[in-house]
Amino acid sequence: METIREEKPNYVLKAKEAMLVPKNPNPWLGRIKKGVWIIVAFVILSSLIFQENMFKELSWSSQVMLVVLAVGLTFADGSHRVPSPFEIWFYDDYLILYREKYYYSRKVQRKEYWKFYYNEIEKIEFGTVKMRIAIYGDVEAIWYDYNKDGTVPEKPTYHRNVNRTICYFYTSADPDVDFVAEIEKHSPIKVVVAEK
C-alpha cells in the first residue's frame, strides 16, 4: 500500500481530536428527514404561491405529525463530536498529520496523510474559542476512502499537491496535551494564538 511515510520521524505526537460524527449511523434517518423537510418546503411554497395558509388545510393530526417529525428528526439526525485518535509526525523539514479514520459523512470515511513542509506553511493558528488548530499552506495530501466492508484500498482515492489550503483539528478532546507547545518544540514553526 502506498503511504506518505518515508522515514522514521524525529517525534510522534499521539493525541485525540474532537471529530464530528453522525449521531445515528443509519442512512434511512437522513433520507426520512430530507423527505419531511421537502414536504414542509412544499407547504410553505404553496402557501406563498396561492396566498393561503396551506398548513391549515391539513388535518390537525397531520399538522402535529409533520411538526413532530420535522423537529424530532432534525435533532435525532444531527452530529456530535467524539474523541478520535490522530498523530502528528515531526521530521527535520516537514510534518505529517495522520488520521487512521476520519468521518466526512455516513458514506465517506478516510485514512488521511497531510504532509506540510515547514517552509511552505504560511502559519499555524490556535483558535482559543473553538479550540482549533489550523495549518495554512501548501500540502501533499493522500487520502484513502474506506470501502463499504471497512477495508482500505491499495491505491489512494486522492493524491495531490495542493497550494494554499487549510487542514485543521479540534483540540478539546485531549485537554491534557499542550498542542501549541508540542508543535513549537518539535518544529521551527511559531504558533499564532488567536481568540476565534
N, C-alpha and C. Protein backbone atom coordinates (compact mmCIF):
# COMPACT_ATOMS: atom_id res chain seq x y z
N MET A 1 0.84 -1.18 0.00
CA MET A 1 0.00 0.00 0.00
C MET A 1 0.89 1.24 0.00
N GLU A 2 0.55 2.18 -0.86
CA GLU A 2 1.33 3.43 -0.95
C GLU A 2 1.02 4.30 0.26
N THR A 3 2.05 4.80 0.91
CA THR A 3 1.86 5.74 2.01
C THR A 3 2.82 6.89 1.85
N ILE A 4 2.63 7.88 2.69
CA ILE A 4 3.45 9.08 2.60
C ILE A 4 4.65 9.01 3.55
N ARG A 5 4.64 8.03 4.44
CA ARG A 5 5.69 7.93 5.46
C ARG A 5 6.95 7.32 4.85
N GLU A 6 8.00 8.11 4.74
CA GLU A 6 9.22 7.65 4.07
C GLU A 6 10.30 7.22 5.05
N GLU A 7 10.40 7.85 6.16
CA GLU A 7 11.48 7.58 7.10
C GLU A 7 10.94 7.71 8.52
N LYS A 8 11.76 7.32 9.46
CA LYS A 8 11.33 7.40 10.87
C LYS A 8 11.27 8.86 11.31
N PRO A 9 10.15 9.28 11.88
CA PRO A 9 10.06 10.67 12.35
C PRO A 9 10.94 10.92 13.57
N ASN A 10 11.28 12.20 13.76
CA ASN A 10 12.03 12.59 14.95
C ASN A 10 11.18 12.46 16.21
N TYR A 11 9.89 12.71 16.04
CA TYR A 11 8.97 12.67 17.18
C TYR A 11 7.56 12.43 16.66
N VAL A 12 6.78 11.63 17.40
CA VAL A 12 5.37 11.38 17.06
C VAL A 12 4.51 11.84 18.21
N LEU A 13 3.61 12.79 17.94
CA LEU A 13 2.64 13.24 18.93
C LEU A 13 1.36 12.44 18.70
N LYS A 14 1.03 11.59 19.66
CA LYS A 14 -0.22 10.82 19.60
C LYS A 14 -1.23 11.52 20.49
N ALA A 15 -2.38 11.85 19.91
CA ALA A 15 -3.38 12.59 20.66
C ALA A 15 -4.77 12.22 20.15
N LYS A 16 -5.77 12.92 20.70
CA LYS A 16 -7.15 12.74 20.25
C LYS A 16 -7.68 14.09 19.79
N GLU A 17 -8.43 14.06 18.69
CA GLU A 17 -9.11 15.26 18.23
C GLU A 17 -10.61 15.07 18.39
N ALA A 18 -11.33 16.17 18.46
CA ALA A 18 -12.79 16.12 18.56
C ALA A 18 -13.36 16.06 17.15
N MET A 19 -13.71 14.85 16.71
CA MET A 19 -14.18 14.63 15.35
C MET A 19 -15.71 14.64 15.32
N LEU A 20 -16.26 15.29 14.30
CA LEU A 20 -17.70 15.37 14.12
C LEU A 20 -18.20 14.10 13.43
N VAL A 21 -19.10 13.37 14.09
CA VAL A 21 -19.68 12.16 13.51
C VAL A 21 -21.20 12.21 13.65
N PRO A 22 -21.92 11.49 12.77
CA PRO A 22 -23.38 11.46 12.87
C PRO A 22 -23.82 10.82 14.18
N LYS A 23 -24.89 11.37 14.78
CA LYS A 23 -25.42 10.77 16.00
C LYS A 23 -25.98 9.39 15.72
N ASN A 24 -26.59 9.24 14.54
CA ASN A 24 -27.19 7.97 14.18
C ASN A 24 -26.59 7.52 12.84
N PRO A 25 -25.89 6.40 12.80
CA PRO A 25 -25.25 5.97 11.55
C PRO A 25 -26.23 5.43 10.49
N ASN A 26 -27.51 5.28 10.85
CA ASN A 26 -28.49 4.73 9.92
C ASN A 26 -28.79 5.73 8.80
N PRO A 27 -28.48 5.38 7.54
CA PRO A 27 -28.71 6.33 6.43
C PRO A 27 -30.18 6.61 6.17
N TRP A 28 -31.08 5.70 6.59
CA TRP A 28 -32.50 5.92 6.35
C TRP A 28 -33.03 7.11 7.13
N LEU A 29 -32.47 7.37 8.27
CA LEU A 29 -32.91 8.51 9.08
C LEU A 29 -32.70 9.82 8.31
N GLY A 30 -31.57 9.95 7.66
CA GLY A 30 -31.29 11.14 6.86
C GLY A 30 -32.24 11.28 5.69
N ARG A 31 -32.57 10.16 5.04
CA ARG A 31 -33.49 10.20 3.90
C ARG A 31 -34.90 10.60 4.35
N ILE A 32 -35.34 10.05 5.49
CA ILE A 32 -36.67 10.40 6.00
C ILE A 32 -36.71 11.88 6.36
N LYS A 33 -35.63 12.37 7.02
CA LYS A 33 -35.58 13.79 7.38
C LYS A 33 -35.65 14.66 6.14
N LYS A 34 -34.91 14.29 5.10
CA LYS A 34 -34.94 15.07 3.85
C LYS A 34 -36.35 15.09 3.27
N GLY A 35 -37.03 13.93 3.28
CA GLY A 35 -38.40 13.85 2.75
C GLY A 35 -39.37 14.73 3.53
N VAL A 36 -39.26 14.70 4.86
CA VAL A 36 -40.15 15.53 5.70
C VAL A 36 -39.91 17.01 5.41
N TRP A 37 -38.65 17.42 5.29
CA TRP A 37 -38.36 18.83 5.04
C TRP A 37 -38.76 19.25 3.62
N ILE A 38 -38.77 18.32 2.68
CA ILE A 38 -39.29 18.63 1.34
C ILE A 38 -40.78 18.91 1.41
N ILE A 39 -41.51 18.12 2.22
CA ILE A 39 -42.95 18.35 2.41
C ILE A 39 -43.19 19.70 3.07
N VAL A 40 -42.39 20.02 4.10
CA VAL A 40 -42.52 21.32 4.77
C VAL A 40 -42.26 22.46 3.78
N ALA A 41 -41.21 22.33 2.98
CA ALA A 41 -40.90 23.36 1.98
C ALA A 41 -42.02 23.50 0.97
N PHE A 42 -42.62 22.36 0.56
CA PHE A 42 -43.73 22.39 -0.39
C PHE A 42 -44.93 23.13 0.19
N VAL A 43 -45.24 22.87 1.47
CA VAL A 43 -46.37 23.55 2.12
C VAL A 43 -46.12 25.06 2.19
N ILE A 44 -44.90 25.44 2.55
CA ILE A 44 -44.56 26.87 2.63
C ILE A 44 -44.61 27.52 1.26
N LEU A 45 -44.04 26.87 0.26
CA LEU A 45 -44.03 27.41 -1.10
C LEU A 45 -45.44 27.51 -1.67
N SER A 46 -46.26 26.49 -1.43
CA SER A 46 -47.66 26.53 -1.88
C SER A 46 -48.41 27.67 -1.22
N SER A 47 -48.13 27.89 0.06
CA SER A 47 -48.79 28.99 0.78
C SER A 47 -48.42 30.34 0.15
N LEU A 48 -47.16 30.49 -0.24
CA LEU A 48 -46.73 31.75 -0.86
C LEU A 48 -47.34 31.92 -2.25
N ILE A 49 -47.39 30.85 -3.02
CA ILE A 49 -47.93 30.94 -4.38
C ILE A 49 -49.42 31.22 -4.38
N PHE A 50 -50.17 30.48 -3.55
CA PHE A 50 -51.63 30.61 -3.55
C PHE A 50 -52.15 31.65 -2.56
N GLN A 51 -51.23 32.32 -1.85
CA GLN A 51 -51.62 33.37 -0.89
C GLN A 51 -52.62 32.86 0.15
N GLU A 52 -52.45 31.61 0.55
CA GLU A 52 -53.34 30.99 1.53
C GLU A 52 -52.51 30.05 2.40
N ASN A 53 -52.80 29.97 3.66
CA ASN A 53 -52.06 29.12 4.58
C ASN A 53 -52.40 27.66 4.32
N MET A 54 -51.56 26.98 3.58
CA MET A 54 -51.80 25.58 3.23
C MET A 54 -51.63 24.64 4.42
N PHE A 55 -50.90 25.09 5.42
CA PHE A 55 -50.73 24.28 6.63
C PHE A 55 -52.08 24.06 7.30
N LYS A 56 -52.96 25.10 7.25
CA LYS A 56 -54.30 24.99 7.84
C LYS A 56 -55.18 24.00 7.09
N GLU A 57 -54.85 23.75 5.82
CA GLU A 57 -55.64 22.81 5.01
C GLU A 57 -55.41 21.36 5.44
N LEU A 58 -54.31 21.11 6.13
CA LEU A 58 -54.04 19.76 6.64
C LEU A 58 -54.89 19.50 7.88
N SER A 59 -55.20 18.24 8.13
CA SER A 59 -55.94 17.89 9.35
C SER A 59 -55.05 18.18 10.56
N TRP A 60 -55.65 18.34 11.72
CA TRP A 60 -54.85 18.67 12.92
C TRP A 60 -53.85 17.57 13.23
N SER A 61 -54.23 16.30 12.98
CA SER A 61 -53.29 15.20 13.26
C SER A 61 -52.11 15.25 12.28
N SER A 62 -52.38 15.63 11.02
CA SER A 62 -51.28 15.76 10.04
C SER A 62 -50.37 16.93 10.41
N GLN A 63 -50.95 18.01 10.89
CA GLN A 63 -50.15 19.17 11.32
C GLN A 63 -49.21 18.76 12.45
N VAL A 64 -49.77 18.10 13.47
CA VAL A 64 -48.97 17.68 14.62
C VAL A 64 -47.87 16.71 14.19
N MET A 65 -48.24 15.73 13.36
CA MET A 65 -47.27 14.73 12.92
C MET A 65 -46.14 15.38 12.11
N LEU A 66 -46.48 16.32 11.23
CA LEU A 66 -45.47 16.98 10.42
C LEU A 66 -44.50 17.79 11.28
N VAL A 67 -45.03 18.53 12.24
CA VAL A 67 -44.18 19.33 13.13
C VAL A 67 -43.30 18.44 14.00
N VAL A 68 -43.89 17.40 14.57
CA VAL A 68 -43.13 16.49 15.44
C VAL A 68 -42.02 15.78 14.64
N LEU A 69 -42.35 15.32 13.44
CA LEU A 69 -41.35 14.66 12.61
C LEU A 69 -40.22 15.61 12.22
N ALA A 70 -40.59 16.82 11.79
CA ALA A 70 -39.57 17.79 11.35
C ALA A 70 -38.62 18.13 12.50
N VAL A 71 -39.18 18.43 13.66
CA VAL A 71 -38.35 18.81 14.81
C VAL A 71 -37.58 17.60 15.35
N GLY A 72 -38.27 16.49 15.53
CA GLY A 72 -37.64 15.30 16.10
C GLY A 72 -36.50 14.76 15.23
N LEU A 73 -36.75 14.67 13.92
CA LEU A 73 -35.72 14.16 13.03
C LEU A 73 -34.54 15.10 12.91
N THR A 74 -34.79 16.40 13.00
CA THR A 74 -33.70 17.36 12.93
C THR A 74 -32.73 17.17 14.08
N PHE A 75 -33.27 16.97 15.28
CA PHE A 75 -32.40 16.79 16.44
C PHE A 75 -31.82 15.38 16.51
N ALA A 76 -32.58 14.37 16.07
CA ALA A 76 -32.09 13.00 16.14
C ALA A 76 -31.01 12.73 15.09
N ASP A 77 -31.03 13.47 14.00
CA ASP A 77 -30.12 13.19 12.90
C ASP A 77 -28.92 14.12 12.85
N GLY A 78 -28.66 14.83 13.90
CA GLY A 78 -27.53 15.75 13.89
C GLY A 78 -26.20 15.04 14.05
N SER A 79 -25.19 15.82 14.33
CA SER A 79 -23.85 15.29 14.55
C SER A 79 -23.36 15.72 15.92
N HIS A 80 -22.36 15.03 16.41
CA HIS A 80 -21.73 15.41 17.68
C HIS A 80 -20.25 15.07 17.58
N ARG A 81 -19.47 15.68 18.46
CA ARG A 81 -18.02 15.47 18.45
C ARG A 81 -17.64 14.34 19.40
N VAL A 82 -16.78 13.46 18.89
CA VAL A 82 -16.29 12.34 19.69
C VAL A 82 -14.76 12.32 19.63
N PRO A 83 -14.10 11.84 20.67
CA PRO A 83 -12.63 11.74 20.62
C PRO A 83 -12.19 10.73 19.57
N SER A 84 -11.23 11.13 18.76
CA SER A 84 -10.72 10.26 17.71
C SER A 84 -9.19 10.36 17.67
N PRO A 85 -8.49 9.23 17.70
CA PRO A 85 -7.03 9.28 17.71
C PRO A 85 -6.46 9.79 16.39
N PHE A 86 -5.40 10.57 16.49
CA PHE A 86 -4.65 11.01 15.32
C PHE A 86 -3.22 11.25 15.77
N GLU A 87 -2.33 11.46 14.80
CA GLU A 87 -0.92 11.65 15.12
C GLU A 87 -0.35 12.79 14.29
N ILE A 88 0.65 13.44 14.86
CA ILE A 88 1.46 14.39 14.09
C ILE A 88 2.89 13.86 14.13
N TRP A 89 3.43 13.59 12.94
CA TRP A 89 4.79 13.08 12.80
C TRP A 89 5.69 14.25 12.45
N PHE A 90 6.71 14.50 13.27
CA PHE A 90 7.63 15.62 13.05
C PHE A 90 8.95 15.11 12.47
N TYR A 91 9.37 15.71 11.36
CA TYR A 91 10.63 15.39 10.69
C TYR A 91 11.51 16.64 10.68
N ASP A 92 12.69 16.53 10.10
CA ASP A 92 13.59 17.69 10.02
C ASP A 92 12.99 18.83 9.21
N ASP A 93 12.39 18.51 8.06
CA ASP A 93 11.94 19.55 7.12
C ASP A 93 10.42 19.66 6.99
N TYR A 94 9.69 18.74 7.57
CA TYR A 94 8.24 18.74 7.38
C TYR A 94 7.54 18.03 8.53
N LEU A 95 6.23 18.15 8.55
CA LEU A 95 5.41 17.39 9.48
C LEU A 95 4.30 16.70 8.69
N ILE A 96 3.78 15.63 9.25
CA ILE A 96 2.65 14.90 8.66
C ILE A 96 1.57 14.77 9.71
N LEU A 97 0.35 15.18 9.34
CA LEU A 97 -0.81 14.94 10.18
C LEU A 97 -1.46 13.66 9.64
N TYR A 98 -1.53 12.65 10.51
CA TYR A 98 -2.03 11.33 10.10
C TYR A 98 -3.30 11.00 10.85
N ARG A 99 -4.33 10.63 10.09
CA ARG A 99 -5.60 10.17 10.68
C ARG A 99 -5.89 8.77 10.15
N GLU A 100 -6.05 7.84 11.05
CA GLU A 100 -6.38 6.47 10.65
C GLU A 100 -7.78 6.41 10.04
N LYS A 101 -8.72 7.14 10.65
CA LYS A 101 -10.09 7.14 10.12
C LYS A 101 -10.74 8.47 10.47
N TYR A 102 -11.16 9.18 9.42
CA TYR A 102 -11.81 10.48 9.62
C TYR A 102 -13.16 10.46 8.91
N TYR A 103 -14.21 10.83 9.65
CA TYR A 103 -15.58 10.82 9.11
C TYR A 103 -15.88 12.12 8.37
N TYR A 104 -16.39 11.98 7.15
CA TYR A 104 -16.90 13.11 6.40
C TYR A 104 -18.42 13.05 6.29
N SER A 105 -18.95 11.83 6.22
CA SER A 105 -20.39 11.62 6.17
C SER A 105 -20.63 10.15 6.51
N ARG A 106 -21.91 9.75 6.50
CA ARG A 106 -22.20 8.34 6.76
C ARG A 106 -21.54 7.44 5.72
N LYS A 107 -21.41 7.94 4.49
CA LYS A 107 -20.87 7.12 3.41
C LYS A 107 -19.36 7.27 3.23
N VAL A 108 -18.81 8.39 3.64
CA VAL A 108 -17.39 8.67 3.36
C VAL A 108 -16.57 8.77 4.65
N GLN A 109 -15.65 7.80 4.81
CA GLN A 109 -14.64 7.84 5.87
C GLN A 109 -13.30 7.64 5.19
N ARG A 110 -12.29 8.36 5.68
CA ARG A 110 -10.99 8.30 5.01
C ARG A 110 -9.84 8.07 5.98
N LYS A 111 -8.82 7.41 5.46
CA LYS A 111 -7.50 7.38 6.09
C LYS A 111 -6.73 8.52 5.41
N GLU A 112 -6.09 9.40 6.19
CA GLU A 112 -5.50 10.61 5.61
C GLU A 112 -4.06 10.84 6.05
N TYR A 113 -3.30 11.35 5.10
CA TYR A 113 -1.94 11.84 5.35
C TYR A 113 -1.87 13.26 4.80
N TRP A 114 -1.52 14.23 5.64
CA TRP A 114 -1.34 15.62 5.22
C TRP A 114 0.13 15.98 5.47
N LYS A 115 0.91 16.18 4.42
CA LYS A 115 2.34 16.46 4.55
C LYS A 115 2.61 17.94 4.26
N PHE A 116 3.10 18.65 5.28
CA PHE A 116 3.42 20.07 5.16
C PHE A 116 4.92 20.28 5.35
N TYR A 117 5.61 20.81 4.35
CA TYR A 117 7.00 21.24 4.53
C TYR A 117 6.97 22.54 5.34
N TYR A 118 7.86 22.65 6.30
CA TYR A 118 7.86 23.83 7.18
C TYR A 118 7.99 25.13 6.38
N ASN A 119 8.80 25.13 5.34
CA ASN A 119 9.00 26.37 4.58
C ASN A 119 7.80 26.70 3.67
N GLU A 120 6.81 25.79 3.59
CA GLU A 120 5.61 26.05 2.80
C GLU A 120 4.39 26.28 3.67
N ILE A 121 4.60 26.35 4.99
CA ILE A 121 3.50 26.66 5.92
C ILE A 121 3.42 28.17 6.07
N GLU A 122 2.26 28.74 5.74
CA GLU A 122 2.06 30.18 5.92
C GLU A 122 1.94 30.52 7.39
N LYS A 123 1.13 29.71 8.11
CA LYS A 123 1.02 29.88 9.56
C LYS A 123 0.28 28.68 10.14
N ILE A 124 0.51 28.47 11.43
CA ILE A 124 -0.29 27.54 12.22
C ILE A 124 -0.95 28.39 13.29
N GLU A 125 -2.27 28.28 13.36
CA GLU A 125 -3.03 29.15 14.26
C GLU A 125 -3.86 28.31 15.22
N PHE A 126 -3.84 28.70 16.50
CA PHE A 126 -4.67 28.06 17.51
C PHE A 126 -5.78 29.02 17.91
N GLY A 127 -7.03 28.66 17.60
CA GLY A 127 -8.18 29.47 18.00
C GLY A 127 -8.65 29.04 19.37
N THR A 128 -8.55 29.95 20.35
CA THR A 128 -8.85 29.59 21.73
C THR A 128 -10.35 29.42 22.00
N VAL A 129 -11.20 30.02 21.19
CA VAL A 129 -12.64 29.90 21.40
C VAL A 129 -13.14 28.55 20.87
N LYS A 130 -12.79 28.24 19.63
CA LYS A 130 -13.22 26.97 19.03
C LYS A 130 -12.33 25.80 19.43
N MET A 131 -11.19 26.10 20.07
CA MET A 131 -10.22 25.07 20.44
C MET A 131 -9.79 24.31 19.18
N ARG A 132 -9.34 25.08 18.18
CA ARG A 132 -9.00 24.51 16.88
C ARG A 132 -7.61 24.95 16.44
N ILE A 133 -6.82 23.99 15.98
CA ILE A 133 -5.52 24.29 15.37
C ILE A 133 -5.71 24.18 13.86
N ALA A 134 -5.30 25.24 13.16
CA ALA A 134 -5.41 25.26 11.70
C ALA A 134 -4.01 25.45 11.11
N ILE A 135 -3.68 24.62 10.13
CA ILE A 135 -2.41 24.72 9.43
C ILE A 135 -2.70 25.25 8.02
N TYR A 136 -2.12 26.41 7.70
CA TYR A 136 -2.32 27.04 6.39
C TYR A 136 -1.04 26.90 5.57
N GLY A 137 -1.20 26.50 4.30
CA GLY A 137 -0.03 26.41 3.44
C GLY A 137 -0.20 25.39 2.33
N ASP A 138 0.92 25.06 1.71
CA ASP A 138 0.93 24.06 0.64
C ASP A 138 1.05 22.68 1.27
N VAL A 139 0.38 21.70 0.68
CA VAL A 139 0.34 20.37 1.27
C VAL A 139 0.38 19.29 0.19
N GLU A 140 0.96 18.16 0.55
CA GLU A 140 0.78 16.94 -0.22
C GLU A 140 -0.22 16.11 0.55
N ALA A 141 -1.36 15.82 -0.07
CA ALA A 141 -2.42 15.09 0.62
C ALA A 141 -2.64 13.74 -0.03
N ILE A 142 -2.68 12.70 0.80
CA ILE A 142 -3.01 11.36 0.34
C ILE A 142 -4.18 10.87 1.19
N TRP A 143 -5.28 10.53 0.52
CA TRP A 143 -6.47 10.04 1.21
C TRP A 143 -6.89 8.70 0.63
N TYR A 144 -7.32 7.81 1.50
CA TYR A 144 -7.87 6.51 1.11
C TYR A 144 -9.31 6.45 1.62
N ASP A 145 -10.28 6.43 0.73
CA ASP A 145 -11.67 6.26 1.14
C ASP A 145 -11.89 4.81 1.54
N TYR A 146 -12.44 4.59 2.74
CA TYR A 146 -12.71 3.23 3.19
C TYR A 146 -13.76 2.58 2.30
N ASN A 147 -13.56 1.29 2.02
CA ASN A 147 -14.57 0.52 1.29
C ASN A 147 -15.75 0.24 2.21
N LYS A 148 -16.86 -0.20 1.63
CA LYS A 148 -18.06 -0.49 2.43
C LYS A 148 -17.81 -1.57 3.46
N ASP A 149 -16.89 -2.50 3.17
CA ASP A 149 -16.59 -3.58 4.11
C ASP A 149 -15.58 -3.17 5.19
N GLY A 150 -15.18 -1.88 5.21
CA GLY A 150 -14.28 -1.39 6.24
C GLY A 150 -12.81 -1.52 5.92
N THR A 151 -12.47 -2.02 4.74
CA THR A 151 -11.07 -2.15 4.34
C THR A 151 -10.61 -0.88 3.63
N VAL A 152 -9.30 -0.75 3.51
CA VAL A 152 -8.70 0.40 2.83
C VAL A 152 -8.16 -0.08 1.48
N PRO A 153 -8.42 0.64 0.40
CA PRO A 153 -7.92 0.20 -0.91
C PRO A 153 -6.40 0.29 -1.00
N GLU A 154 -5.83 -0.44 -1.95
CA GLU A 154 -4.38 -0.43 -2.15
C GLU A 154 -3.89 0.93 -2.65
N LYS A 155 -4.63 1.52 -3.58
CA LYS A 155 -4.24 2.80 -4.16
C LYS A 155 -5.05 3.91 -3.53
N PRO A 156 -4.45 5.10 -3.36
CA PRO A 156 -5.20 6.20 -2.75
C PRO A 156 -6.33 6.70 -3.64
N THR A 157 -7.38 7.15 -3.00
CA THR A 157 -8.50 7.76 -3.70
C THR A 157 -8.11 9.14 -4.19
N TYR A 158 -7.22 9.79 -3.44
CA TYR A 158 -6.82 11.17 -3.73
C TYR A 158 -5.35 11.31 -3.37
N HIS A 159 -4.54 11.79 -4.30
CA HIS A 159 -3.12 12.06 -4.03
C HIS A 159 -2.73 13.26 -4.87
N ARG A 160 -2.64 14.42 -4.19
CA ARG A 160 -2.33 15.65 -4.91
C ARG A 160 -1.51 16.59 -4.04
N ASN A 161 -0.81 17.48 -4.73
CA ASN A 161 -0.19 18.62 -4.06
C ASN A 161 -1.16 19.79 -4.23
N VAL A 162 -1.51 20.40 -3.11
CA VAL A 162 -2.48 21.50 -3.12
C VAL A 162 -1.83 22.74 -2.54
N ASN A 163 -1.94 23.85 -3.27
CA ASN A 163 -1.38 25.11 -2.81
C ASN A 163 -2.40 25.89 -1.99
N ARG A 164 -1.88 26.57 -0.98
CA ARG A 164 -2.68 27.49 -0.17
C ARG A 164 -3.99 26.85 0.31
N THR A 165 -3.84 25.82 1.12
CA THR A 165 -5.02 25.14 1.66
C THR A 165 -4.99 25.22 3.18
N ILE A 166 -5.97 24.58 3.81
CA ILE A 166 -6.05 24.56 5.28
C ILE A 166 -6.37 23.14 5.73
N CYS A 167 -5.73 22.75 6.80
CA CYS A 167 -6.03 21.48 7.48
C CYS A 167 -6.18 21.83 8.96
N TYR A 168 -7.22 21.35 9.58
CA TYR A 168 -7.43 21.72 10.98
C TYR A 168 -7.92 20.54 11.80
N PHE A 169 -7.77 20.68 13.12
CA PHE A 169 -8.29 19.70 14.05
C PHE A 169 -8.69 20.41 15.33
N TYR A 170 -9.68 19.83 16.02
CA TYR A 170 -10.20 20.40 17.27
C TYR A 170 -9.52 19.71 18.45
N THR A 171 -9.01 20.53 19.37
CA THR A 171 -8.17 20.01 20.46
C THR A 171 -8.94 19.70 21.74
N SER A 172 -10.24 20.01 21.78
CA SER A 172 -10.99 19.89 23.03
C SER A 172 -11.09 18.45 23.55
N ALA A 173 -10.88 17.46 22.70
CA ALA A 173 -10.97 16.06 23.13
C ALA A 173 -9.75 15.60 23.92
N ASP A 174 -8.68 16.39 23.91
CA ASP A 174 -7.45 15.99 24.60
C ASP A 174 -6.87 17.21 25.35
N PRO A 175 -7.56 17.65 26.43
CA PRO A 175 -7.13 18.86 27.14
C PRO A 175 -5.78 18.75 27.85
N ASP A 176 -5.30 17.53 28.05
CA ASP A 176 -4.01 17.35 28.73
C ASP A 176 -2.81 17.62 27.81
N VAL A 177 -3.05 17.68 26.50
CA VAL A 177 -1.96 17.91 25.55
C VAL A 177 -1.88 19.41 25.24
N ASP A 178 -0.69 19.97 25.41
CA ASP A 178 -0.45 21.36 25.04
C ASP A 178 0.04 21.36 23.59
N PHE A 179 -0.92 21.44 22.65
CA PHE A 179 -0.59 21.31 21.24
C PHE A 179 0.33 22.43 20.76
N VAL A 180 0.13 23.64 21.26
CA VAL A 180 0.97 24.77 20.87
C VAL A 180 2.42 24.50 21.26
N ALA A 181 2.62 24.09 22.52
CA ALA A 181 3.98 23.81 23.00
C ALA A 181 4.61 22.64 22.23
N GLU A 182 3.84 21.60 21.95
CA GLU A 182 4.37 20.44 21.23
C GLU A 182 4.81 20.81 19.82
N ILE A 183 3.98 21.59 19.13
CA ILE A 183 4.32 21.99 17.75
C ILE A 183 5.57 22.88 17.76
N GLU A 184 5.62 23.82 18.68
CA GLU A 184 6.77 24.73 18.73
C GLU A 184 8.04 24.01 19.17
N LYS A 185 7.92 23.00 20.01
CA LYS A 185 9.10 22.27 20.49
C LYS A 185 9.71 21.37 19.41
N HIS A 186 8.85 20.79 18.57
CA HIS A 186 9.32 19.78 17.62
C HIS A 186 9.37 20.26 16.18
N SER A 187 9.10 21.54 15.95
CA SER A 187 9.20 22.11 14.61
C SER A 187 9.71 23.55 14.73
N PRO A 188 10.12 24.15 13.63
CA PRO A 188 10.57 25.55 13.70
C PRO A 188 9.43 26.56 13.62
N ILE A 189 8.18 26.08 13.67
CA ILE A 189 7.02 26.95 13.49
C ILE A 189 6.57 27.54 14.82
N LYS A 190 6.33 28.85 14.81
CA LYS A 190 5.75 29.55 15.94
C LYS A 190 4.23 29.60 15.73
N VAL A 191 3.47 29.08 16.68
CA VAL A 191 2.01 29.02 16.55
C VAL A 191 1.41 30.37 16.93
N VAL A 192 0.50 30.85 16.10
CA VAL A 192 -0.23 32.10 16.36
C VAL A 192 -1.44 31.73 17.22
N VAL A 193 -1.58 32.38 18.37
CA VAL A 193 -2.73 32.15 19.24
C VAL A 193 -3.71 33.29 19.04
N ALA A 194 -4.95 32.95 18.70
CA ALA A 194 -5.96 33.97 18.41
C ALA A 194 -7.26 33.62 19.13
N GLU A 195 -8.02 34.66 19.47
CA GLU A 195 -9.33 34.45 20.09
C GLU A 195 -10.38 34.34 18.99
N LYS A 196 -10.51 33.14 18.47
CA LYS A 196 -11.54 32.90 17.46
C LYS A 196 -11.92 31.44 17.40
